[in-house]
Amino acid sequence: PAAAPSTTRSRRSISPAIACSIGGLQHIVIFPRSSSALPASEIRALVDWYVPLRDGRLGVEEAFVFARATKRDDALVQIAGDRARSVARLLKTLAAADPVEVAVQINRLDTPRPHAYEEVRIEIQPKCAQTHSCCGAPSTSK
């Protein structure tokens, strides 16, 4: 006689899907028009934003600093570079004993957007992204 079909089912471990969103990983520094000097109020705001990220559960793995300038304005490109490097130096100083990789990028735009040129944007890659623990403890089950 033929063997009866098996009625046992395999039990799979299903991991629950967790969606989370991490806010506050970007910061805008505003510079005075035609100046690369970092204002004291912006230094304070940057410190107040960065230090809790650095010392909190997220940590800081990398920082990306972006500035913008019009392609055809060499003086503005120079100022944008000086601004971005100034912010990058401050971030490296704030990293304390735990060095952080800081990348600087100058975006050269074709269209004039004067209001955007006074801004330097910072984006942080949190350390918790490496350990998959940004939204709680990492899973130990496999």
C-alpha atoms as a PDB file:
ATOM      1  CA  PRO A   1       0.000   0.000   0.000  1.00  0.00           C
ATOM      2  CA  ALA A   2       1.053   3.578  -0.652  1.00  0.00           C
ATOM      3  CA  ALA A   3       2.239   5.660   2.258  1.00  0.00           C
ATOM      4  CA  ALA A   4      -0.262   8.194   3.565  1.00  0.00           C
ATOM      5  CA  PRO A   5       0.678  11.807   2.892  1.00  0.00           C
ATOM      6  CA  SER A   6       2.273  13.578   5.797  1.00  0.00           C
ATOM      7  CA  THR A   7      -0.007  15.928   7.686  1.00  0.00           C
ATOM      8  CA  THR A   8       2.695  17.603   9.742  1.00  0.00           C
ATOM      9  CA  ARG A   9       3.569  21.148   8.832  1.00  0.00           C
ATOM     10  CA  SER A  10       6.948  22.676   9.228  1.00  0.00           C
ATOM     11  CA  ARG A  11       7.054  25.496  11.731  1.00  0.00           C
ATOM     12  CA  ARG A  12       8.875  28.545  10.502  1.00  0.00           C
ATOM     13  CA  SER A  13      10.065  31.299  12.672  1.00  0.00           C
ATOM     14  CA  ILE A  14       8.636  34.533  11.339  1.00  0.00           C
ATOM     15  CA  SER A  15      10.389  37.704  12.334  1.00  0.00           C
ATOM     16  CA  PRO A  16       8.074  40.628  12.875  1.00  0.00           C
ATOM     17  CA  ALA A  17       8.653  43.523  10.536  1.00  0.00           C
ATOM     18  CA  ILE A  18       9.414  46.739  12.320  1.00  0.00           C
ATOM     19  CA  ALA A  19       9.271  50.062  10.574  1.00  0.00           C
ATOM     20  CA  CYS A  20      10.874  53.033  12.161  1.00  0.00           C
ATOM     21  CA  SER A  21      11.898  56.464  11.116  1.00  0.00           C
ATOM     22  CA  ILE A  22      14.788  58.348  12.632  1.00  0.00           C
ATOM     23  CA  GLY A  23      14.416  62.097  12.566  1.00  0.00           C
ATOM     24  CA  GLY A  24      16.852  64.856  13.266  1.00  0.00           C
ATOM     25  CA  LEU A  25      19.736  63.536  11.183  1.00  0.00           C
ATOM     26  CA  GLN A  26      19.997  66.730   9.131  1.00  0.00           C
ATOM     27  CA  HIS A  27      20.942  70.226  10.158  1.00  0.00           C
ATOM     28  CA  ILE A  28      21.166  73.487   8.208  1.00  0.00           C
ATOM     29  CA  VAL A  29      23.804  76.110   8.983  1.00  0.00           C
ATOM     30  CA  ILE A  30      23.037  79.614   7.692  1.00  0.00           C
ATOM     31  CA  PHE A  31      25.927  81.908   6.796  1.00  0.00           C
ATOM     32  CA  PRO A  32      25.808  85.668   6.290  1.00  0.00           C
ATOM     33  CA  ARG A  33      25.680  86.679   2.637  1.00  0.00           C
ATOM     34  CA  SER A  34      29.150  86.722   0.998  1.00  0.00           C
ATOM     35  CA  SER A  35      30.866  85.483   4.157  1.00  0.00           C
ATOM     36  CA  SER A  36      32.479  82.219   5.113  1.00  0.00           C
ATOM     37  CA  ALA A  37      32.691  83.145   8.822  1.00  0.00           C
ATOM     38  CA  LEU A  38      30.633  80.765  10.931  1.00  0.00           C
ATOM     39  CA  PRO A  39      28.401  82.914  13.192  1.00  0.00           C
ATOM     40  CA  ALA A  40      28.460  82.184  16.937  1.00  0.00           C
ATOM     41  CA  SER A  41      24.694  81.556  16.951  1.00  0.00           C
ATOM     42  CA  GLU A  42      25.117  78.894  14.243  1.00  0.00           C
ATOM     43  CA  ILE A  43      28.021  77.283  16.119  1.00  0.00           C
ATOM     44  CA  ARG A  44      25.813  77.039  19.211  1.00  0.00           C
ATOM     45  CA  ALA A  45      22.906  75.591  17.225  1.00  0.00           C
ATOM     46  CA  LEU A  46      25.198  73.039  15.563  1.00  0.00           C
ATOM     47  CA  VAL A  47      26.706  71.995  18.912  1.00  0.00           C
ATOM     48  CA  ASP A  48      23.223  71.696  20.453  1.00  0.00           C
ATOM     49  CA  TRP A  49      22.148  69.453  17.552  1.00  0.00           C
ATOM     50  CA  TYR A  50      25.314  67.354  17.177  1.00  0.00           C
ATOM     51  CA  VAL A  51      26.384  66.541  20.738  1.00  0.00           C
ATOM     52  CA  PRO A  52      23.149  64.744  21.739  1.00  0.00           C
ATOM     53  CA  LEU A  53      23.398  62.646  18.553  1.00  0.00           C
ATOM     54  CA  ARG A  54      27.048  61.855  19.253  1.00  0.00           C
ATOM     55  CA  ASP A  55      26.442  60.945  22.884  1.00  0.00           C
ATOM     56  CA  GLY A  56      23.010  59.336  22.487  1.00  0.00           C
ATOM     57  CA  ARG A  57      22.049  55.821  21.494  1.00  0.00           C
ATOM     58  CA  LEU A  58      22.264  56.612  17.761  1.00  0.00           C
ATOM     59  CA  GLY A  59      25.899  57.712  17.717  1.00  0.00           C
ATOM     60  CA  VAL A  60      27.587  59.263  14.688  1.00  0.00           C
ATOM     61  CA  GLU A  61      29.417  57.116  12.146  1.00  0.00           C
ATOM     62  CA  GLU A  62      29.827  59.654   9.324  1.00  0.00           C
ATOM     63  CA  ALA A  63      28.880  63.209   8.510  1.00  0.00           C
ATOM     64  CA  PHE A  64      28.254  64.663   5.069  1.00  0.00           C
ATOM     65  CA  VAL A  65      28.518  68.414   4.515  1.00  0.00           C
ATOM     66  CA  PHE A  66      26.922  69.962   1.415  1.00  0.00           C
ATOM     67  CA  ALA A  67      27.189  73.532   0.111  1.00  0.00           C
ATOM     68  CA  ARG A  68      25.859  75.047  -3.122  1.00  0.00           C
ATOM     69  CA  ALA A  69      27.104  77.633  -5.590  1.00  0.00           C
ATOM     70  CA  THR A  70      26.447  78.795  -9.124  1.00  0.00           C
ATOM     71  CA  LYS A  71      28.782  77.091 -11.598  1.00  0.00           C
ATOM     72  CA  ARG A  72      29.732  80.342 -13.277  1.00  0.00           C
ATOM     73  CA  ASP A  73      30.604  82.268 -10.120  1.00  0.00           C
ATOM     74  CA  ASP A  74      34.131  81.288  -9.051  1.00  0.00           C
ATOM     75  CA  ALA A  75      34.049  83.591  -6.012  1.00  0.00           C
ATOM     76  CA  LEU A  76      30.822  81.949  -4.776  1.00  0.00           C
ATOM     77  CA  VAL A  77      32.276  78.480  -5.368  1.00  0.00           C
ATOM     78  CA  GLN A  78      35.265  79.485  -3.212  1.00  0.00           C
ATOM     79  CA  ILE A  79      33.013  80.849  -0.444  1.00  0.00           C
ATOM     80  CA  ALA A  80      30.849  77.699  -0.551  1.00  0.00           C
ATOM     81  CA  GLY A  81      33.951  75.531  -0.200  1.00  0.00           C
ATOM     82  CA  ASP A  82      35.265  77.628   2.685  1.00  0.00           C
ATOM     83  CA  ARG A  83      31.884  77.407   4.437  1.00  0.00           C
ATOM     84  CA  ALA A  84      31.647  73.646   4.042  1.00  0.00           C
ATOM     85  CA  ARG A  85      35.226  73.102   5.228  1.00  0.00           C
ATOM     86  CA  SER A  86      34.578  75.363   8.241  1.00  0.00           C
ATOM     87  CA  VAL A  87      31.575  73.246   9.228  1.00  0.00           C
ATOM     88  CA  ALA A  88      33.556  70.033   8.618  1.00  0.00           C
ATOM     89  CA  ARG A  89      36.375  71.237  10.900  1.00  0.00           C
ATOM     90  CA  LEU A  90      33.880  71.986  13.658  1.00  0.00           C
ATOM     91  CA  LEU A  91      32.285  68.538  13.292  1.00  0.00           C
ATOM     92  CA  LYS A  92      35.697  66.855  13.518  1.00  0.00           C
ATOM     93  CA  THR A  93      36.453  68.874  16.647  1.00  0.00           C
ATOM     94  CA  LEU A  94      33.100  67.908  18.173  1.00  0.00           C
ATOM     95  CA  ALA A  95      33.735  64.231  17.462  1.00  0.00           C
ATOM     96  CA  ALA A  96      35.918  64.242  20.600  1.00  0.00           C
ATOM     97  CA  ALA A  97      37.824  61.008  21.194  1.00  0.00           C
ATOM     98  CA  ASP A  98      35.724  59.067  18.671  1.00  0.00           C
ATOM     99  CA  PRO A  99      36.831  60.203  15.183  1.00  0.00           C
ATOM    100  CA  VAL A 100      34.093  60.666  12.616  1.00  0.00           C
ATOM    101  CA  GLU A 101      34.545  60.541   8.858  1.00  0.00           C
ATOM    102  CA  VAL A 102      33.422  63.884   7.408  1.00  0.00           C
ATOM    103  CA  ALA A 103      32.873  64.262   3.658  1.00  0.00           C
ATOM    104  CA  VAL A 104      32.469  67.650   1.961  1.00  0.00           C
ATOM    105  CA  GLN A 105      30.654  68.216  -1.324  1.00  0.00           C
ATOM    106  CA  ILE A 106      30.126  71.462  -3.232  1.00  0.00           C
ATOM    107  CA  ASN A 107      27.118  71.257  -5.554  1.00  0.00           C
ATOM    108  CA  ARG A 108      27.592  73.577  -8.535  1.00  0.00           C
ATOM    109  CA  LEU A 109      24.200  74.553  -9.874  1.00  0.00           C
ATOM    110  CA  ASP A 110      23.249  75.861 -13.308  1.00  0.00           C
ATOM    111  CA  THR A 111      20.329  77.924 -12.062  1.00  0.00           C
ATOM    112  CA  PRO A 112      20.754  80.773  -9.625  1.00  0.00           C
ATOM    113  CA  ARG A 113      19.171  80.225  -6.217  1.00  0.00           C
ATOM    114  CA  PRO A 114      20.753  82.901  -4.015  1.00  0.00           C
ATOM    115  CA  HIS A 115      18.797  81.927  -0.875  1.00  0.00           C
ATOM    116  CA  ALA A 116      20.184  78.369  -1.067  1.00  0.00           C
ATOM    117  CA  TYR A 117      23.804  79.494  -1.327  1.00  0.00           C
ATOM    118  CA  GLU A 118      23.842  80.796   2.234  1.00  0.00           C
ATOM    119  CA  GLU A 119      22.988  77.350   3.592  1.00  0.00           C
ATOM    120  CA  VAL A 120      25.312  74.476   4.382  1.00  0.00           C
ATOM    121  CA  ARG A 121      23.488  71.196   4.971  1.00  0.00           C
ATOM    122  CA  ILE A 122      24.819  68.475   7.256  1.00  0.00           C
ATOM    123  CA  GLU A 123      23.586  64.888   7.162  1.00  0.00           C
ATOM    124  CA  ILE A 124      24.565  62.263   9.706  1.00  0.00           C
ATOM    125  CA  GLN A 125      24.895  58.513   9.234  1.00  0.00           C
ATOM    126  CA  PRO A 126      24.211  57.071  12.698  1.00  0.00           C
ATOM    127  CA  LYS A 127      26.407  54.315  14.147  1.00  0.00           C
ATOM    128  CA  CYS A 128      23.324  52.303  14.975  1.00  0.00           C
ATOM    129  CA  ALA A 129      22.803  51.707  11.227  1.00  0.00           C
ATOM    130  CA  GLN A 130      25.878  49.453  11.299  1.00  0.00           C
ATOM    131  CA  THR A 131      24.455  47.319  14.106  1.00  0.00           C
ATOM    132  CA  HIS A 132      20.812  47.542  12.979  1.00  0.00           C
ATOM    133  CA  SER A 133      19.905  48.843  16.414  1.00  0.00           C
ATOM    134  CA  CYS A 134      18.509  52.283  15.563  1.00  0.00           C
ATOM    135  CA  CYS A 135      14.955  51.223  16.391  1.00  0.00           C
ATOM    136  CA  GLY A 136      15.715  49.140  19.450  1.00  0.00           C
ATOM    137  CA  ALA A 137      17.923  46.242  20.351  1.00  0.00           C
ATOM    138  CA  PRO A 138      19.284  44.170  17.453  1.00  0.00           C
ATOM    139  CA  SER A 139      17.599  40.841  16.912  1.00  0.00           C
ATOM    140  CA  THR A 140      19.541  37.853  18.237  1.00  0.00           C
ATOM    141  CA  SER A 141      17.377  35.203  16.542  1.00  0.00           C
ATOM    142  CA  LYS A 142      18.320  33.855  13.155  1.00  0.00           C
END
